[in-house]
mmCIF file of all heavy atoms, coordinates in Angstrom:
data_MODEL
# 
_entry.id   MODEL 
# 
loop_
_atom_site.group_PDB 
_atom_site.id 
_atom_site.type_symbol 
_atom_site.label_atom_id 
_atom_site.label_alt_id 
_atom_site.label_comp_id 
_atom_site.label_asym_id 
_atom_site.label_entity_id 
_atom_site.label_seq_id 
_atom_site.pdbx_PDB_ins_code 
_atom_site.Cartn_x 
_atom_site.Cartn_y 
_atom_site.Cartn_z 
_atom_site.occupancy 
_atom_site.B_iso_or_equiv 
_atom_site.pdbx_formal_charge 
_atom_site.auth_seq_id 
_atom_site.auth_comp_id 
_atom_site.auth_asym_id 
_atom_site.auth_atom_id 
_atom_site.pdbx_PDB_model_num 
ATOM 1   N N   . PHE A 1 1  ? -4.268  17.235  -10.071 1.00 0.00 ? 1  PHE A N   1 
ATOM 2   C CA  . PHE A 1 1  ? -3.800  16.254  -9.109  1.00 0.00 ? 1  PHE A CA  1 
ATOM 3   C C   . PHE A 1 1  ? -3.447  16.893  -7.783  1.00 0.00 ? 1  PHE A C   1 
ATOM 4   O O   . PHE A 1 1  ? -3.423  16.206  -6.731  1.00 0.00 ? 1  PHE A O   1 
ATOM 5   C CB  . PHE A 1 1  ? -2.645  15.463  -9.694  1.00 0.00 ? 1  PHE A CB  1 
ATOM 6   C CG  . PHE A 1 1  ? -3.095  14.494  -10.747 1.00 0.00 ? 1  PHE A CG  1 
ATOM 7   C CD1 . PHE A 1 1  ? -3.025  14.878  -12.074 1.00 0.00 ? 1  PHE A CD1 1 
ATOM 8   C CD2 . PHE A 1 1  ? -3.575  13.261  -10.420 1.00 0.00 ? 1  PHE A CD2 1 
ATOM 9   C CE1 . PHE A 1 1  ? -3.461  13.970  -13.038 1.00 0.00 ? 1  PHE A CE1 1 
ATOM 10  C CE2 . PHE A 1 1  ? -4.038  12.373  -11.359 1.00 0.00 ? 1  PHE A CE2 1 
ATOM 11  C CZ  . PHE A 1 1  ? -3.961  12.734  -12.686 1.00 0.00 ? 1  PHE A CZ  1 
ATOM 12  N N   . ALA A 1 2  ? -3.083  18.190  -7.749  1.00 0.00 ? 2  ALA A N   1 
ATOM 13  C CA  . ALA A 1 2  ? -2.730  18.844  -6.507  1.00 0.00 ? 2  ALA A CA  1 
ATOM 14  C C   . ALA A 1 2  ? -3.921  18.899  -5.541  1.00 0.00 ? 2  ALA A C   1 
ATOM 15  O O   . ALA A 1 2  ? -3.757  18.847  -4.320  1.00 0.00 ? 2  ALA A O   1 
ATOM 16  C CB  . ALA A 1 2  ? -2.199  20.259  -6.753  1.00 0.00 ? 2  ALA A CB  1 
ATOM 17  N N   . VAL A 1 3  ? -5.143  18.925  -6.098  1.00 0.00 ? 3  VAL A N   1 
ATOM 18  C CA  . VAL A 1 3  ? -6.318  18.972  -5.260  1.00 0.00 ? 3  VAL A CA  1 
ATOM 19  C C   . VAL A 1 3  ? -6.446  17.639  -4.542  1.00 0.00 ? 3  VAL A C   1 
ATOM 20  O O   . VAL A 1 3  ? -6.885  17.589  -3.405  1.00 0.00 ? 3  VAL A O   1 
ATOM 21  C CB  . VAL A 1 3  ? -7.559  19.241  -6.111  1.00 0.00 ? 3  VAL A CB  1 
ATOM 22  C CG1 . VAL A 1 3  ? -8.846  19.121  -5.343  1.00 0.00 ? 3  VAL A CG1 1 
ATOM 23  C CG2 . VAL A 1 3  ? -7.457  20.641  -6.709  1.00 0.00 ? 3  VAL A CG2 1 
ATOM 24  N N   . ALA A 1 4  ? -6.067  16.522  -5.232  1.00 0.00 ? 4  ALA A N   1 
ATOM 25  C CA  . ALA A 1 4  ? -6.227  15.216  -4.630  1.00 0.00 ? 4  ALA A CA  1 
ATOM 26  C C   . ALA A 1 4  ? -5.067  14.816  -3.743  1.00 0.00 ? 4  ALA A C   1 
ATOM 27  O O   . ALA A 1 4  ? -5.192  13.881  -2.929  1.00 0.00 ? 4  ALA A O   1 
ATOM 28  C CB  . ALA A 1 4  ? -6.420  14.164  -5.726  1.00 0.00 ? 4  ALA A CB  1 
ATOM 29  N N   . LEU A 1 5  ? -3.943  15.450  -3.882  1.00 0.00 ? 5  LEU A N   1 
ATOM 30  C CA  . LEU A 1 5  ? -2.748  14.971  -3.186  1.00 0.00 ? 5  LEU A CA  1 
ATOM 31  C C   . LEU A 1 5  ? -2.916  15.029  -1.658  1.00 0.00 ? 5  LEU A C   1 
ATOM 32  O O   . LEU A 1 5  ? -2.542  13.985  -0.982  1.00 0.00 ? 5  LEU A O   1 
ATOM 33  C CB  . LEU A 1 5  ? -1.531  15.817  -3.608  1.00 0.00 ? 5  LEU A CB  1 
ATOM 34  C CG  . LEU A 1 5  ? -0.145  15.280  -3.157  1.00 0.00 ? 5  LEU A CG  1 
ATOM 35  C CD1 . LEU A 1 5  ? 0.113   13.941  -3.726  1.00 0.00 ? 5  LEU A CD1 1 
ATOM 36  C CD2 . LEU A 1 5  ? 0.938   16.237  -3.601  1.00 0.00 ? 5  LEU A CD2 1 
ATOM 37  N N   . PRO A 1 6  ? -3.441  16.045  -1.042  1.00 0.00 ? 6  PRO A N   1 
ATOM 38  C CA  . PRO A 1 6  ? -3.568  15.987  0.437   1.00 0.00 ? 6  PRO A CA  1 
ATOM 39  C C   . PRO A 1 6  ? -4.480  14.875  0.885   1.00 0.00 ? 6  PRO A C   1 
ATOM 40  O O   . PRO A 1 6  ? -4.301  14.229  1.905   1.00 0.00 ? 6  PRO A O   1 
ATOM 41  C CB  . PRO A 1 6  ? -4.174  17.383  0.799   1.00 0.00 ? 6  PRO A CB  1 
ATOM 42  C CG  . PRO A 1 6  ? -3.768  18.272  -0.289  1.00 0.00 ? 6  PRO A CG  1 
ATOM 43  C CD  . PRO A 1 6  ? -3.733  17.382  -1.506  1.00 0.00 ? 6  PRO A CD  1 
ATOM 44  N N   . TRP A 1 7  ? -5.562  14.595  0.082   1.00 0.00 ? 7  TRP A N   1 
ATOM 45  C CA  . TRP A 1 7  ? -6.464  13.493  0.429   1.00 0.00 ? 7  TRP A CA  1 
ATOM 46  C C   . TRP A 1 7  ? -5.693  12.169  0.315   1.00 0.00 ? 7  TRP A C   1 
ATOM 47  O O   . TRP A 1 7  ? -5.834  11.322  1.203   1.00 0.00 ? 7  TRP A O   1 
ATOM 48  C CB  . TRP A 1 7  ? -7.608  13.526  -0.553  1.00 0.00 ? 7  TRP A CB  1 
ATOM 49  C CG  . TRP A 1 7  ? -8.654  12.482  -0.205  1.00 0.00 ? 7  TRP A CG  1 
ATOM 50  C CD1 . TRP A 1 7  ? -9.681  12.619  0.742   1.00 0.00 ? 7  TRP A CD1 1 
ATOM 51  C CD2 . TRP A 1 7  ? -8.770  11.152  -0.716  1.00 0.00 ? 7  TRP A CD2 1 
ATOM 52  N NE1 . TRP A 1 7  ? -10.364 11.498  0.810   1.00 0.00 ? 7  TRP A NE1 1 
ATOM 53  C CE2 . TRP A 1 7  ? -9.901  10.595  -0.074  1.00 0.00 ? 7  TRP A CE2 1 
ATOM 54  C CE3 . TRP A 1 7  ? -8.087  10.465  -1.695  1.00 0.00 ? 7  TRP A CE3 1 
ATOM 55  C CZ2 . TRP A 1 7  ? -10.288 9.290   -0.375  1.00 0.00 ? 7  TRP A CZ2 1 
ATOM 56  C CZ3 . TRP A 1 7  ? -8.500  9.166   -1.947  1.00 0.00 ? 7  TRP A CZ3 1 
ATOM 57  C CH2 . TRP A 1 7  ? -9.572  8.596   -1.316  1.00 0.00 ? 7  TRP A CH2 1 
ATOM 58  N N   . LEU A 1 8  ? -4.892  11.995  -0.672  1.00 0.00 ? 8  LEU A N   1 
ATOM 59  C CA  . LEU A 1 8  ? -4.079  10.803  -0.837  1.00 0.00 ? 8  LEU A CA  1 
ATOM 60  C C   . LEU A 1 8  ? -3.104  10.692  0.330   1.00 0.00 ? 8  LEU A C   1 
ATOM 61  O O   . LEU A 1 8  ? -2.892  9.567   0.880   1.00 0.00 ? 8  LEU A O   1 
ATOM 62  C CB  . LEU A 1 8  ? -3.318  10.816  -2.141  1.00 0.00 ? 8  LEU A CB  1 
ATOM 63  C CG  . LEU A 1 8  ? -2.418  9.657   -2.457  1.00 0.00 ? 8  LEU A CG  1 
ATOM 64  C CD1 . LEU A 1 8  ? -3.169  8.349   -2.540  1.00 0.00 ? 8  LEU A CD1 1 
ATOM 65  C CD2 . LEU A 1 8  ? -1.617  9.910   -3.733  1.00 0.00 ? 8  LEU A CD2 1 
ATOM 66  N N   . TRP A 1 9  ? -2.447  11.767  0.737   1.00 0.00 ? 9  TRP A N   1 
ATOM 67  C CA  . TRP A 1 9  ? -1.575  11.712  1.933   1.00 0.00 ? 9  TRP A CA  1 
ATOM 68  C C   . TRP A 1 9  ? -2.348  11.298  3.118   1.00 0.00 ? 9  TRP A C   1 
ATOM 69  O O   . TRP A 1 9  ? -1.822  10.581  3.971   1.00 0.00 ? 9  TRP A O   1 
ATOM 70  C CB  . TRP A 1 9  ? -0.962  13.114  2.153   1.00 0.00 ? 9  TRP A CB  1 
ATOM 71  C CG  . TRP A 1 9  ? 0.102   13.505  1.184   1.00 0.00 ? 9  TRP A CG  1 
ATOM 72  C CD1 . TRP A 1 9  ? 0.898   12.729  0.454   1.00 0.00 ? 9  TRP A CD1 1 
ATOM 73  C CD2 . TRP A 1 9  ? 0.517   14.857  0.926   1.00 0.00 ? 9  TRP A CD2 1 
ATOM 74  N NE1 . TRP A 1 9  ? 1.771   13.458  -0.321  1.00 0.00 ? 9  TRP A NE1 1 
ATOM 75  C CE2 . TRP A 1 9  ? 1.548   14.787  -0.042  1.00 0.00 ? 9  TRP A CE2 1 
ATOM 76  C CE3 . TRP A 1 9  ? 0.137   16.114  1.379   1.00 0.00 ? 9  TRP A CE3 1 
ATOM 77  C CZ2 . TRP A 1 9  ? 2.207   15.896  -0.546  1.00 0.00 ? 9  TRP A CZ2 1 
ATOM 78  C CZ3 . TRP A 1 9  ? 0.743   17.219  0.844   1.00 0.00 ? 9  TRP A CZ3 1 
ATOM 79  C CH2 . TRP A 1 9  ? 1.804   17.125  -0.095  1.00 0.00 ? 9  TRP A CH2 1 
ATOM 80  N N   . GLY A 1 10 ? -3.580  11.770  3.257   1.00 0.00 ? 10 GLY A N   1 
ATOM 81  C CA  . GLY A 1 10 ? -4.398  11.369  4.425   1.00 0.00 ? 10 GLY A CA  1 
ATOM 82  C C   . GLY A 1 10 ? -4.686  9.865   4.426   1.00 0.00 ? 10 GLY A C   1 
ATOM 83  O O   . GLY A 1 10 ? -4.546  9.267   5.478   1.00 0.00 ? 10 GLY A O   1 
ATOM 84  N N   . VAL A 1 11 ? -5.048  9.332   3.295   1.00 0.00 ? 11 VAL A N   1 
ATOM 85  C CA  . VAL A 1 11 ? -5.275  7.861   3.232   1.00 0.00 ? 11 VAL A CA  1 
ATOM 86  C C   . VAL A 1 11 ? -4.049  7.147   3.563   1.00 0.00 ? 11 VAL A C   1 
ATOM 87  O O   . VAL A 1 11 ? -4.081  6.122   4.344   1.00 0.00 ? 11 VAL A O   1 
ATOM 88  C CB  . VAL A 1 11 ? -5.841  7.491   1.815   1.00 0.00 ? 11 VAL A CB  1 
ATOM 89  C CG1 . VAL A 1 11 ? -5.863  5.954   1.630   1.00 0.00 ? 11 VAL A CG1 1 
ATOM 90  C CG2 . VAL A 1 11 ? -7.201  8.064   1.610   1.00 0.00 ? 11 VAL A CG2 1 
ATOM 91  N N   . MET A 1 12 ? -2.920  7.531   2.971   1.00 0.00 ? 12 MET A N   1 
ATOM 92  C CA  . MET A 1 12 ? -1.621  6.877   3.270   1.00 0.00 ? 12 MET A CA  1 
ATOM 93  C C   . MET A 1 12 ? -1.287  7.009   4.787   1.00 0.00 ? 12 MET A C   1 
ATOM 94  O O   . MET A 1 12 ? -0.763  5.995   5.377   1.00 0.00 ? 12 MET A O   1 
ATOM 95  C CB  . MET A 1 12 ? -0.524  7.430   2.427   1.00 0.00 ? 12 MET A CB  1 
ATOM 96  C CG  . MET A 1 12 ? -0.699  7.074   0.927   1.00 0.00 ? 12 MET A CG  1 
ATOM 97  S SD  . MET A 1 12 ? 0.464   7.848   -0.173  1.00 0.00 ? 12 MET A SD  1 
ATOM 98  C CE  . MET A 1 12 ? 2.031   7.559   0.574   1.00 0.00 ? 12 MET A CE  1 
ATOM 99  N N   . ALA A 1 13 ? -1.538  8.161   5.320   1.00 0.00 ? 13 ALA A N   1 
ATOM 100 C CA  . ALA A 1 13 ? -1.228  8.329   6.773   1.00 0.00 ? 13 ALA A CA  1 
ATOM 101 C C   . ALA A 1 13 ? -2.104  7.378   7.649   1.00 0.00 ? 13 ALA A C   1 
ATOM 102 O O   . ALA A 1 13 ? -1.643  6.831   8.599   1.00 0.00 ? 13 ALA A O   1 
ATOM 103 C CB  . ALA A 1 13 ? -1.398  9.774   7.175   1.00 0.00 ? 13 ALA A CB  1 
ATOM 104 N N   . MET A 1 14 ? -3.380  7.315   7.299   1.00 0.00 ? 14 MET A N   1 
ATOM 105 C CA  . MET A 1 14 ? -4.249  6.423   8.051   1.00 0.00 ? 14 MET A CA  1 
ATOM 106 C C   . MET A 1 14 ? -3.824  4.952   7.951   1.00 0.00 ? 14 MET A C   1 
ATOM 107 O O   . MET A 1 14 ? -3.817  4.271   8.959   1.00 0.00 ? 14 MET A O   1 
ATOM 108 C CB  . MET A 1 14 ? -5.738  6.619   7.605   1.00 0.00 ? 14 MET A CB  1 
ATOM 109 C CG  . MET A 1 14 ? -6.328  7.886   8.059   1.00 0.00 ? 14 MET A CG  1 
ATOM 110 S SD  . MET A 1 14 ? -8.134  8.037   7.898   1.00 0.00 ? 14 MET A SD  1 
ATOM 111 C CE  . MET A 1 14 ? -8.427  7.503   6.237   1.00 0.00 ? 14 MET A CE  1 
ATOM 112 N N   . LEU A 1 15 ? -3.476  4.511   6.765   1.00 0.00 ? 15 LEU A N   1 
ATOM 113 C CA  . LEU A 1 15 ? -3.022  3.131   6.566   1.00 0.00 ? 15 LEU A CA  1 
ATOM 114 C C   . LEU A 1 15 ? -1.717  2.918   7.381   1.00 0.00 ? 15 LEU A C   1 
ATOM 115 O O   . LEU A 1 15 ? -1.606  1.869   8.054   1.00 0.00 ? 15 LEU A O   1 
ATOM 116 C CB  . LEU A 1 15 ? -2.851  2.835   5.119   1.00 0.00 ? 15 LEU A CB  1 
ATOM 117 C CG  . LEU A 1 15 ? -4.089  2.773   4.252   1.00 0.00 ? 15 LEU A CG  1 
ATOM 118 C CD1 . LEU A 1 15 ? -3.702  2.554   2.802   1.00 0.00 ? 15 LEU A CD1 1 
ATOM 119 C CD2 . LEU A 1 15 ? -4.953  1.610   4.737   1.00 0.00 ? 15 LEU A CD2 1 
ATOM 120 N N   . SER A 1 16 ? -0.836  3.868   7.301   1.00 0.00 ? 16 SER A N   1 
ATOM 121 C CA  . SER A 1 16 ? 0.452   3.761   8.053   1.00 0.00 ? 16 SER A CA  1 
ATOM 122 C C   . SER A 1 16 ? 0.184   3.781   9.569   1.00 0.00 ? 16 SER A C   1 
ATOM 123 O O   . SER A 1 16 ? 0.838   3.026   10.311  1.00 0.00 ? 16 SER A O   1 
ATOM 124 C CB  . SER A 1 16 ? 1.400   4.918   7.716   1.00 0.00 ? 16 SER A CB  1 
ATOM 125 O OG  . SER A 1 16 ? 1.730   4.914   6.350   1.00 0.00 ? 16 SER A OG  1 
ATOM 126 N N   . GLY A 1 17 ? -0.780  4.529   9.986   1.00 0.00 ? 17 GLY A N   1 
ATOM 127 C CA  . GLY A 1 17 ? -1.137  4.580   11.450  1.00 0.00 ? 17 GLY A CA  1 
ATOM 128 C C   . GLY A 1 17 ? -1.689  3.244   11.878  1.00 0.00 ? 17 GLY A C   1 
ATOM 129 O O   . GLY A 1 17 ? -1.329  2.719   12.995  1.00 0.00 ? 17 GLY A O   1 
ATOM 130 N N   . VAL A 1 18 ? -2.560  2.604   11.095  1.00 0.00 ? 18 VAL A N   1 
ATOM 131 C CA  . VAL A 1 18 ? -3.071  1.307   11.451  1.00 0.00 ? 18 VAL A CA  1 
ATOM 132 C C   . VAL A 1 18 ? -1.961  0.279   11.526  1.00 0.00 ? 18 VAL A C   1 
ATOM 133 O O   . VAL A 1 18 ? -1.894  -0.528  12.462  1.00 0.00 ? 18 VAL A O   1 
ATOM 134 C CB  . VAL A 1 18 ? -4.179  0.863   10.464  1.00 0.00 ? 18 VAL A CB  1 
ATOM 135 C CG1 . VAL A 1 18 ? -4.567  -0.592  10.593  1.00 0.00 ? 18 VAL A CG1 1 
ATOM 136 C CG2 . VAL A 1 18 ? -5.409  1.756   10.558  1.00 0.00 ? 18 VAL A CG2 1 
ATOM 137 N N   . VAL A 1 19 ? -1.074  0.304   10.563  1.00 0.00 ? 19 VAL A N   1 
ATOM 138 C CA  . VAL A 1 19 ? 0.079   -0.613  10.554  1.00 0.00 ? 19 VAL A CA  1 
ATOM 139 C C   . VAL A 1 19 ? 0.974   -0.424  11.764  1.00 0.00 ? 19 VAL A C   1 
ATOM 140 O O   . VAL A 1 19 ? 1.384   -1.378  12.445  1.00 0.00 ? 19 VAL A O   1 
ATOM 141 C CB  . VAL A 1 19 ? 0.914   -0.521  9.264   1.00 0.00 ? 19 VAL A CB  1 
ATOM 142 C CG1 . VAL A 1 19 ? 2.208   -1.260  9.331   1.00 0.00 ? 19 VAL A CG1 1 
ATOM 143 C CG2 . VAL A 1 19 ? 0.050   -1.030  8.085   1.00 0.00 ? 19 VAL A CG2 1 
ATOM 144 N N   . ALA A 1 20 ? 1.269   0.885   12.097  1.00 0.00 ? 20 ALA A N   1 
ATOM 145 C CA  . ALA A 1 20 ? 2.065   1.185   13.274  1.00 0.00 ? 20 ALA A CA  1 
ATOM 146 C C   . ALA A 1 20 ? 1.416   0.742   14.556  1.00 0.00 ? 20 ALA A C   1 
ATOM 147 O O   . ALA A 1 20 ? 2.063   0.188   15.434  1.00 0.00 ? 20 ALA A O   1 
ATOM 148 C CB  . ALA A 1 20 ? 2.388   2.649   13.333  1.00 0.00 ? 20 ALA A CB  1 
ATOM 149 N N   . ILE A 1 21 ? 0.125   0.926   14.698  1.00 0.00 ? 21 ILE A N   1 
ATOM 150 C CA  . ILE A 1 21 ? -0.584  0.541   15.885  1.00 0.00 ? 21 ILE A CA  1 
ATOM 151 C C   . ILE A 1 21 ? -0.541  -1.002  16.018  1.00 0.00 ? 21 ILE A C   1 
ATOM 152 O O   . ILE A 1 21 ? -0.198  -1.573  17.092  1.00 0.00 ? 21 ILE A O   1 
ATOM 153 C CB  . ILE A 1 21 ? -2.045  0.995   15.885  1.00 0.00 ? 21 ILE A CB  1 
ATOM 154 C CG1 . ILE A 1 21 ? -2.049  2.571   16.044  1.00 0.00 ? 21 ILE A CG1 1 
ATOM 155 C CG2 . ILE A 1 21 ? -2.880  0.350   16.932  1.00 0.00 ? 21 ILE A CG2 1 
ATOM 156 C CD1 . ILE A 1 21 ? -3.387  3.247   15.762  1.00 0.00 ? 21 ILE A CD1 1 
ATOM 157 N N   . ALA A 1 22 ? -0.815  -1.712  14.940  1.00 0.00 ? 22 ALA A N   1 
ATOM 158 C CA  . ALA A 1 22 ? -0.772  -3.179  14.966  1.00 0.00 ? 22 ALA A CA  1 
ATOM 159 C C   . ALA A 1 22 ? 0.623   -3.661  15.272  1.00 0.00 ? 22 ALA A C   1 
ATOM 160 O O   . ALA A 1 22 ? 0.833   -4.563  16.061  1.00 0.00 ? 22 ALA A O   1 
ATOM 161 C CB  . ALA A 1 22 ? -1.218  -3.765  13.629  1.00 0.00 ? 22 ALA A CB  1 
ATOM 162 N N   . GLY A 1 23 ? 1.650   -2.997  14.674  1.00 0.00 ? 23 GLY A N   1 
ATOM 163 C CA  . GLY A 1 23 ? 3.029   -3.380  14.939  1.00 0.00 ? 23 GLY A CA  1 
ATOM 164 C C   . GLY A 1 23 ? 3.438   -3.136  16.391  1.00 0.00 ? 23 GLY A C   1 
ATOM 165 O O   . GLY A 1 23 ? 4.195   -3.914  16.968  1.00 0.00 ? 23 GLY A O   1 
ATOM 166 N N   . SER A 1 24 ? 2.942   -2.081  16.982  1.00 0.00 ? 24 SER A N   1 
ATOM 167 C CA  . SER A 1 24 ? 3.308   -1.764  18.379  1.00 0.00 ? 24 SER A CA  1 
ATOM 168 C C   . SER A 1 24 ? 2.757   -2.853  19.274  1.00 0.00 ? 24 SER A C   1 
ATOM 169 O O   . SER A 1 24 ? 3.441   -3.311  20.205  1.00 0.00 ? 24 SER A O   1 
ATOM 170 C CB  . SER A 1 24 ? 2.783   -0.419  18.787  1.00 0.00 ? 24 SER A CB  1 
ATOM 171 O OG  . SER A 1 24 ? 1.364   -0.414  18.952  1.00 0.00 ? 24 SER A OG  1 
ATOM 172 N N   . PHE A 1 25 ? 1.566   -3.345  19.028  1.00 0.00 ? 25 PHE A N   1 
ATOM 173 C CA  . PHE A 1 25 ? 1.035   -4.420  19.868  1.00 0.00 ? 25 PHE A CA  1 
ATOM 174 C C   . PHE A 1 25 ? 1.695   -5.741  19.617  1.00 0.00 ? 25 PHE A C   1 
ATOM 175 O O   . PHE A 1 25 ? 1.838   -6.537  20.531  1.00 0.00 ? 25 PHE A O   1 
ATOM 176 C CB  . PHE A 1 25 ? -0.533  -4.503  19.651  1.00 0.00 ? 25 PHE A CB  1 
ATOM 177 C CG  . PHE A 1 25 ? -1.289  -3.402  20.311  1.00 0.00 ? 25 PHE A CG  1 
ATOM 178 C CD1 . PHE A 1 25 ? -2.071  -2.533  19.573  1.00 0.00 ? 25 PHE A CD1 1 
ATOM 179 C CD2 . PHE A 1 25 ? -1.201  -3.156  21.666  1.00 0.00 ? 25 PHE A CD2 1 
ATOM 180 C CE1 . PHE A 1 25 ? -2.774  -1.520  20.136  1.00 0.00 ? 25 PHE A CE1 1 
ATOM 181 C CE2 . PHE A 1 25 ? -1.898  -2.134  22.271  1.00 0.00 ? 25 PHE A CE2 1 
ATOM 182 C CZ  . PHE A 1 25 ? -2.662  -1.292  21.510  1.00 0.00 ? 25 PHE A CZ  1 
ATOM 183 N N   . ALA A 1 26 ? 2.136   -5.953  18.385  1.00 0.00 ? 26 ALA A N   1 
ATOM 184 C CA  . ALA A 1 26 ? 2.928   -7.186  18.080  1.00 0.00 ? 26 ALA A CA  1 
ATOM 185 C C   . ALA A 1 26 ? 4.270   -7.156  18.826  1.00 0.00 ? 26 ALA A C   1 
ATOM 186 O O   . ALA A 1 26 ? 4.684   -8.178  19.410  1.00 0.00 ? 26 ALA A O   1 
ATOM 187 C CB  . ALA A 1 26 ? 3.162   -7.310  16.599  1.00 0.00 ? 26 ALA A CB  1 
ATOM 188 N N   . VAL A 1 27 ? 4.934   -5.985  18.868  1.00 0.00 ? 27 VAL A N   1 
ATOM 189 C CA  . VAL A 1 27 ? 6.174   -5.873  19.630  1.00 0.00 ? 27 VAL A CA  1 
ATOM 190 C C   . VAL A 1 27 ? 5.935   -6.051  21.097  1.00 0.00 ? 27 VAL A C   1 
ATOM 191 O O   . VAL A 1 27 ? 6.684   -6.741  21.798  1.00 0.00 ? 27 VAL A O   1 
ATOM 192 C CB  . VAL A 1 27 ? 6.851   -4.523  19.325  1.00 0.00 ? 27 VAL A CB  1 
ATOM 193 C CG1 . VAL A 1 27 ? 7.993   -4.239  20.267  1.00 0.00 ? 27 VAL A CG1 1 
ATOM 194 C CG2 . VAL A 1 27 ? 7.320   -4.442  17.885  1.00 0.00 ? 27 VAL A CG2 1 
ATOM 195 N N   . LYS A 1 28 ? 4.852   -5.487  21.632  1.00 0.00 ? 28 LYS A N   1 
ATOM 196 C CA  . LYS A 1 28 ? 4.526   -5.641  23.015  1.00 0.00 ? 28 LYS A CA  1 
ATOM 197 C C   . LYS A 1 28 ? 4.266   -7.136  23.346  1.00 0.00 ? 28 LYS A C   1 
ATOM 198 O O   . LYS A 1 28 ? 4.757   -7.572  24.407  1.00 0.00 ? 28 LYS A O   1 
ATOM 199 C CB  . LYS A 1 28 ? 3.262   -4.811  23.356  1.00 0.00 ? 28 LYS A CB  1 
ATOM 200 C CG  . LYS A 1 28 ? 2.876   -4.896  24.831  1.00 0.00 ? 28 LYS A CG  1 
ATOM 201 C CD  . LYS A 1 28 ? 1.630   -4.131  25.111  1.00 0.00 ? 28 LYS A CD  1 
ATOM 202 C CE  . LYS A 1 28 ? 1.264   -4.270  26.589  1.00 0.00 ? 28 LYS A CE  1 
ATOM 203 N NZ  . LYS A 1 28 ? -0.004  -3.659  26.896  1.00 0.00 ? 28 LYS A NZ  1 
ATOM 204 N N   . ARG A 1 29 ? 3.560   -7.789  22.472  1.00 0.00 ? 29 ARG A N   1 
ATOM 205 C CA  . ARG A 1 29 ? 3.298   -9.217  22.724  1.00 0.00 ? 29 ARG A CA  1 
ATOM 206 C C   . ARG A 1 29 ? 4.609   -10.043 22.727  1.00 0.00 ? 29 ARG A C   1 
ATOM 207 O O   . ARG A 1 29 ? 4.828   -10.884 23.565  1.00 0.00 ? 29 ARG A O   1 
ATOM 208 C CB  . ARG A 1 29 ? 2.347   -9.779  21.638  1.00 0.00 ? 29 ARG A CB  1 
ATOM 209 C CG  . ARG A 1 29 ? 1.934   -11.200 21.921  1.00 0.00 ? 29 ARG A CG  1 
ATOM 210 C CD  . ARG A 1 29 ? 0.895   -11.653 20.912  1.00 0.00 ? 29 ARG A CD  1 
ATOM 211 N NE  . ARG A 1 29 ? 1.353   -11.611 19.543  1.00 0.00 ? 29 ARG A NE  1 
ATOM 212 C CZ  . ARG A 1 29 ? 0.903   -10.782 18.607  1.00 0.00 ? 29 ARG A CZ  1 
ATOM 213 N NH1 . ARG A 1 29 ? -0.127  -9.945  18.889  1.00 0.00 ? 29 ARG A NH1 1 
ATOM 214 N NH2 . ARG A 1 29 ? 1.370   -10.730 17.416  1.00 0.00 ? 29 ARG A NH2 1 
# 
């Protein structure tokens, strides 16, 4: 599982990034 953990962190970071970007535009609006 240690081999897959960084990949999982990457997927979670990308999803969090998309949510943060969408949230920033919602706050701006």
